Amino acid sequence: MLTALVTLPFLLALALSAGVLAQLLREDGDKMLAALKGESLMARPVLTTRPVTVRLSPRPQRVAVRPSAPQWRAAA
């Protein structure tokens, strides 16, 4: 009995999703087909560019100067 009760909502959901998919294909099917062929309005030809060389020189590292101990200053 439970199987019969569960089958009906499943078939209803399946029919609803098939209807939504059919509606989508009716409205936008031509656009999808053109896009798959590569003829869509959004498809643009690839621009040919020459390679660009980027030169990067790292900045010098700053070294923190620590004050030396007094006994080492006297020795210098």
Protein backbone atom coordinates (compact mmCIF):
# COMPACT_ATOMS: atom_id res chain seq x y z
CA MET A 1 0.00 0.00 0.00
CA LEU A 2 2.83 2.36 0.84
CA THR A 3 4.38 1.79 -2.58
CA ALA A 4 1.21 2.89 -4.32
CA LEU A 5 1.05 6.07 -2.21
CA VAL A 6 4.70 6.95 -2.89
CA THR A 7 4.52 6.21 -6.63
CA LEU A 8 1.90 8.85 -7.33
CA PRO A 9 3.92 11.84 -5.95
CA PHE A 10 7.02 10.52 -7.71
CA LEU A 11 5.25 10.35 -11.05
CA LEU A 12 3.75 13.78 -10.45
CA ALA A 13 7.20 15.27 -9.75
CA LEU A 14 8.62 13.51 -12.79
CA ALA A 15 5.85 14.88 -15.04
CA LEU A 16 6.31 18.38 -13.60
CA SER A 17 10.06 18.37 -14.21
CA ALA A 18 9.54 17.06 -17.75
CA GLY A 19 7.05 19.87 -18.37
CA VAL A 20 9.47 22.51 -17.09
CA LEU A 21 12.24 21.09 -19.26
CA ALA A 22 9.97 21.04 -22.32
CA GLN A 23 8.96 24.66 -21.70
CA LEU A 24 12.61 25.67 -21.38
CA LEU A 25 13.47 23.95 -24.65
CA ARG A 26 10.52 25.58 -26.39
CA GLU A 27 11.58 29.07 -25.29
CA ASP A 28 15.37 28.87 -25.55
CA GLY A 29 16.01 25.81 -27.69
CA ASP A 30 17.16 27.83 -30.71
CA LYS A 31 19.65 29.78 -28.61
CA MET A 32 21.02 26.59 -27.07
CA LEU A 33 21.41 24.92 -30.45
CA ALA A 34 23.18 27.98 -31.89
CA ALA A 35 25.52 28.07 -28.91
CA LEU A 36 26.38 24.40 -29.34
CA LYS A 37 27.21 25.06 -32.99
CA GLY A 38 29.38 28.06 -32.01
CA GLU A 39 27.12 30.59 -33.71
CA SER A 40 25.69 32.34 -30.68
CA LEU A 41 25.55 36.10 -30.33
CA MET A 42 27.91 35.87 -27.38
CA ALA A 43 30.59 34.03 -29.39
CA ARG A 44 33.33 36.40 -30.46
CA PRO A 45 36.39 35.73 -32.55
CA VAL A 46 39.58 35.21 -30.61
CA LEU A 47 41.81 38.27 -30.72
CA THR A 48 45.38 37.60 -31.73
CA THR A 49 47.84 39.34 -29.46
CA ARG A 50 51.56 39.23 -29.21
CA PRO A 51 53.21 37.90 -26.07
CA VAL A 52 54.07 40.43 -23.40
CA THR A 53 57.22 40.20 -21.30
CA VAL A 54 56.94 41.41 -17.75
CA ARG A 55 60.14 42.19 -15.91
CA LEU A 56 60.11 42.14 -12.18
CA SER A 57 62.96 43.11 -9.92
CA PRO A 58 62.43 42.30 -6.28
CA ARG A 59 62.70 45.14 -3.83
CA PRO A 60 65.70 45.07 -1.50
CA GLN A 61 64.96 43.59 1.88
CA ARG A 62 65.11 45.97 4.80
CA VAL A 63 67.28 44.73 7.61
CA ALA A 64 66.37 45.85 11.09
CA VAL A 65 69.34 47.41 12.88
CA ARG A 66 69.67 46.23 16.42
CA PRO A 67 71.62 48.31 18.86
CA SER A 68 74.65 46.41 20.09
CA ALA A 69 75.44 45.74 23.69
CA PRO A 70 77.68 48.34 25.45
CA GLN A 71 80.64 45.97 25.90
CA TRP A 72 80.82 45.38 22.15
CA ARG A 73 80.75 49.09 21.43
CA ALA A 74 83.77 49.64 23.67
CA ALA A 75 85.69 46.93 21.84
CA ALA A 76 85.14 48.54 18.48
